[in-house]
């Protein structure tokens, strides 16, 4: 019973923290995944480092819901977002950072162009 009480207390505390972060537009979720931001602008490598320090990884949209979760931050903070993808050895073809092939994309027409508006 003591363990169950501790678990309930922790669940309650986590729920309160999540509520505050949602109000501040710092987290959102999709498909059981939590997407988060600190709201600060940074370069790609700093973004990767901060994600790792937080115990996560840079966002890699794998379906429309995850894409919308990332877009939520882009719209809320009126900024861009780095994604966990890179151009492959074949120009204009992209892949995940680990080298695996993309299974979902949502590029604008005639993108990616490499001009930062993909």
C-alpha atoms as a PDB file:
ATOM      1  CA  UNK A   1       0.000   0.000   0.000  1.00  0.00           C
ATOM      2  CA  UNK A   2       2.858   2.379   0.755  1.00  0.00           C
ATOM      3  CA  UNK A   3       4.317   1.866  -2.720  1.00  0.00           C
ATOM      4  CA  UNK A   4       0.895   2.471  -4.274  1.00  0.00           C
ATOM      5  CA  UNK A   5       0.558   5.732  -2.312  1.00  0.00           C
ATOM      6  CA  UNK A   6       3.969   6.902  -3.533  1.00  0.00           C
ATOM      7  CA  UNK A   7       3.025   6.023  -7.118  1.00  0.00           C
ATOM      8  CA  UNK A   8      -0.272   7.964  -6.825  1.00  0.00           C
ATOM      9  CA  UNK A   9       1.567  10.975  -5.397  1.00  0.00           C
ATOM     10  CA  UNK A  10       4.122  10.879  -8.207  1.00  0.00           C
ATOM     11  CA  UNK A  11       1.401  10.526 -10.848  1.00  0.00           C
ATOM     12  CA  UNK A  12      -0.371  13.549  -9.343  1.00  0.00           C
ATOM     13  CA  UNK A  13       2.814  15.626  -9.323  1.00  0.00           C
ATOM     14  CA  UNK A  14       3.642  14.651 -12.910  1.00  0.00           C
ATOM     15  CA  UNK A  15       0.112  15.542 -13.982  1.00  0.00           C
ATOM     16  CA  UNK A  16       0.440  19.007 -12.397  1.00  0.00           C
ATOM     17  CA  UNK A  17       3.816  19.625 -14.055  1.00  0.00           C
ATOM     18  CA  UNK A  18       2.462  18.490 -17.427  1.00  0.00           C
ATOM     19  CA  UNK A  19      -0.502  20.839 -16.993  1.00  0.00           C
ATOM     20  CA  UNK A  20       1.742  23.822 -16.361  1.00  0.00           C
ATOM     21  CA  UNK A  21       3.979  22.941 -19.318  1.00  0.00           C
ATOM     22  CA  UNK A  22       0.933  22.617 -21.595  1.00  0.00           C
ATOM     23  CA  UNK A  23      -0.323  26.025 -20.473  1.00  0.00           C
ATOM     24  CA  UNK A  24       3.071  27.499 -21.277  1.00  0.00           C
ATOM     25  CA  UNK A  25       3.046  25.709 -24.678  1.00  0.00           C
ATOM     26  CA  UNK A  26       6.230  23.864 -23.765  1.00  0.00           C
ATOM     27  CA  UNK A  27       4.944  20.308 -24.342  1.00  0.00           C
ATOM     28  CA  UNK A  28       2.441  18.514 -26.525  1.00  0.00           C
ATOM     29  CA  UNK A  29       1.967  14.866 -27.402  1.00  0.00           C
ATOM     30  CA  UNK A  30       1.078  12.612 -30.267  1.00  0.00           C
ATOM     31  CA  UNK A  31       0.674   8.856 -30.367  1.00  0.00           C
ATOM     32  CA  UNK A  32       2.043   8.423 -26.859  1.00  0.00           C
ATOM     33  CA  UNK A  33       5.164  10.470 -27.598  1.00  0.00           C
ATOM     34  CA  UNK A  34       5.899  13.698 -25.730  1.00  0.00           C
ATOM     35  CA  UNK A  35       7.239  16.605 -27.795  1.00  0.00           C
ATOM     36  CA  UNK A  36       8.857  19.419 -25.842  1.00  0.00           C
ATOM     37  CA  UNK A  37      10.655  22.713 -26.315  1.00  0.00           C
ATOM     38  CA  UNK A  38      12.411  25.207 -24.109  1.00  0.00           C
ATOM     39  CA  UNK A  39      11.248  27.955 -26.459  1.00  0.00           C
ATOM     40  CA  UNK A  40      14.779  29.170 -27.141  1.00  0.00           C
ATOM     41  CA  UNK A  41      16.449  29.568 -30.519  1.00  0.00           C
ATOM     42  CA  UNK A  42      19.593  27.524 -31.054  1.00  0.00           C
ATOM     43  CA  UNK A  43      21.651  26.002 -33.824  1.00  0.00           C
ATOM     44  CA  UNK A  44      21.230  22.384 -34.882  1.00  0.00           C
ATOM     45  CA  UNK A  45      24.078  20.982 -32.754  1.00  0.00           C
ATOM     46  CA  UNK A  46      22.935  22.817 -29.616  1.00  0.00           C
ATOM     47  CA  UNK A  47      19.408  21.551 -30.220  1.00  0.00           C
ATOM     48  CA  UNK A  48      20.694  17.979 -30.501  1.00  0.00           C
ATOM     49  CA  UNK A  49      22.732  18.402 -27.303  1.00  0.00           C
ATOM     50  CA  UNK A  50      19.804  19.835 -25.306  1.00  0.00           C
ATOM     51  CA  UNK A  51      17.490  17.044 -26.467  1.00  0.00           C
ATOM     52  CA  UNK A  52      20.021  14.430 -25.383  1.00  0.00           C
ATOM     53  CA  UNK A  53      20.572  16.146 -22.014  1.00  0.00           C
ATOM     54  CA  UNK A  54      16.808  16.032 -21.425  1.00  0.00           C
ATOM     55  CA  UNK A  55      16.800  12.289 -22.094  1.00  0.00           C
ATOM     56  CA  UNK A  56      15.156  12.577 -25.493  1.00  0.00           C
ATOM     57  CA  UNK A  57      16.083  13.061 -29.099  1.00  0.00           C
ATOM     58  CA  UNK A  58      15.500  15.666 -31.769  1.00  0.00           C
ATOM     59  CA  UNK A  59      12.042  15.375 -33.317  1.00  0.00           C
ATOM     60  CA  UNK A  60      11.624  13.087 -36.305  1.00  0.00           C
ATOM     61  CA  UNK A  61       8.053  13.196 -37.615  1.00  0.00           C
ATOM     62  CA  UNK A  62       6.993   9.728 -38.692  1.00  0.00           C
ATOM     63  CA  UNK A  63       3.304  10.427 -39.333  1.00  0.00           C
ATOM     64  CA  UNK A  64       0.873  13.359 -39.729  1.00  0.00           C
ATOM     65  CA  UNK A  65       0.121  13.509 -35.974  1.00  0.00           C
ATOM     66  CA  UNK A  66       3.778  13.851 -35.047  1.00  0.00           C
ATOM     67  CA  UNK A  67       4.236  16.396 -37.809  1.00  0.00           C
ATOM     68  CA  UNK A  68       1.332  18.396 -36.330  1.00  0.00           C
ATOM     69  CA  UNK A  69       2.907  18.202 -32.851  1.00  0.00           C
ATOM     70  CA  UNK A  70       6.092  19.792 -34.205  1.00  0.00           C
ATOM     71  CA  UNK A  71       4.096  22.327 -36.209  1.00  0.00           C
ATOM     72  CA  UNK A  72       2.340  23.313 -32.970  1.00  0.00           C
ATOM     73  CA  UNK A  73       5.658  24.679 -31.655  1.00  0.00           C
ATOM     74  CA  UNK A  74       6.536  26.335 -34.945  1.00  0.00           C
ATOM     75  CA  UNK A  75       3.230  28.226 -34.876  1.00  0.00           C
ATOM     76  CA  UNK A  76       3.214  28.911 -31.118  1.00  0.00           C
ATOM     77  CA  UNK A  77       6.712  30.384 -31.102  1.00  0.00           C
ATOM     78  CA  UNK A  78       6.625  31.772 -34.664  1.00  0.00           C
ATOM     79  CA  UNK A  79       9.910  30.100 -35.503  1.00  0.00           C
ATOM     80  CA  UNK A  80      11.454  27.166 -37.346  1.00  0.00           C
ATOM     81  CA  UNK A  81      12.166  23.687 -36.025  1.00  0.00           C
ATOM     82  CA  UNK A  82      15.110  21.417 -36.655  1.00  0.00           C
ATOM     83  CA  UNK A  83      14.262  17.827 -37.481  1.00  0.00           C
ATOM     84  CA  UNK A  84      16.239  14.629 -37.018  1.00  0.00           C
ATOM     85  CA  UNK A  85      16.786  14.156 -40.719  1.00  0.00           C
ATOM     86  CA  UNK A  86      19.610  14.910 -43.107  1.00  0.00           C
ATOM     87  CA  UNK A  87      20.307  14.900 -46.810  1.00  0.00           C
ATOM     88  CA  UNK A  88      21.615  11.555 -48.022  1.00  0.00           C
ATOM     89  CA  UNK A  89      24.518  11.049 -50.395  1.00  0.00           C
ATOM     90  CA  UNK A  90      21.955  11.321 -53.206  1.00  0.00           C
ATOM     91  CA  UNK A  91      21.140  15.043 -53.659  1.00  0.00           C
ATOM     92  CA  UNK A  92      17.576  16.038 -52.719  1.00  0.00           C
ATOM     93  CA  UNK A  93      17.004  12.695 -50.936  1.00  0.00           C
ATOM     94  CA  UNK A  94      16.720  12.748 -47.166  1.00  0.00           C
ATOM     95  CA  UNK A  95      17.100  10.152 -44.422  1.00  0.00           C
ATOM     96  CA  UNK A  96      16.944   9.904 -40.640  1.00  0.00           C
ATOM     97  CA  UNK A  97      20.138  10.816 -38.793  1.00  0.00           C
ATOM     98  CA  UNK A  98      20.896   7.134 -38.261  1.00  0.00           C
ATOM     99  CA  UNK A  99      20.881   6.611 -42.043  1.00  0.00           C
ATOM    100  CA  UNK A 100      17.533   4.843 -42.332  1.00  0.00           C
ATOM    101  CA  UNK A 101      15.153   5.842 -45.094  1.00  0.00           C
ATOM    102  CA  UNK A 102      12.301   8.259 -44.434  1.00  0.00           C
ATOM    103  CA  UNK A 103       8.913   6.585 -44.396  1.00  0.00           C
ATOM    104  CA  UNK A 104       6.893   9.804 -44.023  1.00  0.00           C
ATOM    105  CA  UNK A 105       7.376  13.254 -45.528  1.00  0.00           C
ATOM    106  CA  UNK A 106       5.192  16.310 -45.790  1.00  0.00           C
ATOM    107  CA  UNK A 107       7.236  18.663 -47.955  1.00  0.00           C
ATOM    108  CA  UNK A 108       5.847  21.748 -49.640  1.00  0.00           C
ATOM    109  CA  UNK A 109       5.565  21.545 -53.424  1.00  0.00           C
ATOM    110  CA  UNK A 110       9.036  21.643 -55.081  1.00  0.00           C
ATOM    111  CA  UNK A 111      10.725  20.975 -51.738  1.00  0.00           C
ATOM    112  CA  UNK A 112      13.126  20.203 -50.276  1.00  0.00           C
ATOM    113  CA  UNK A 113      15.132  22.854 -52.023  1.00  0.00           C
ATOM    114  CA  UNK A 114      17.817  23.332 -49.372  1.00  0.00           C
ATOM    115  CA  UNK A 115      16.733  26.936 -48.809  1.00  0.00           C
ATOM    116  CA  UNK A 116      15.328  26.284 -45.314  1.00  0.00           C
ATOM    117  CA  UNK A 117      11.630  26.396 -46.226  1.00  0.00           C
ATOM    118  CA  UNK A 118      11.009  22.673 -46.625  1.00  0.00           C
END
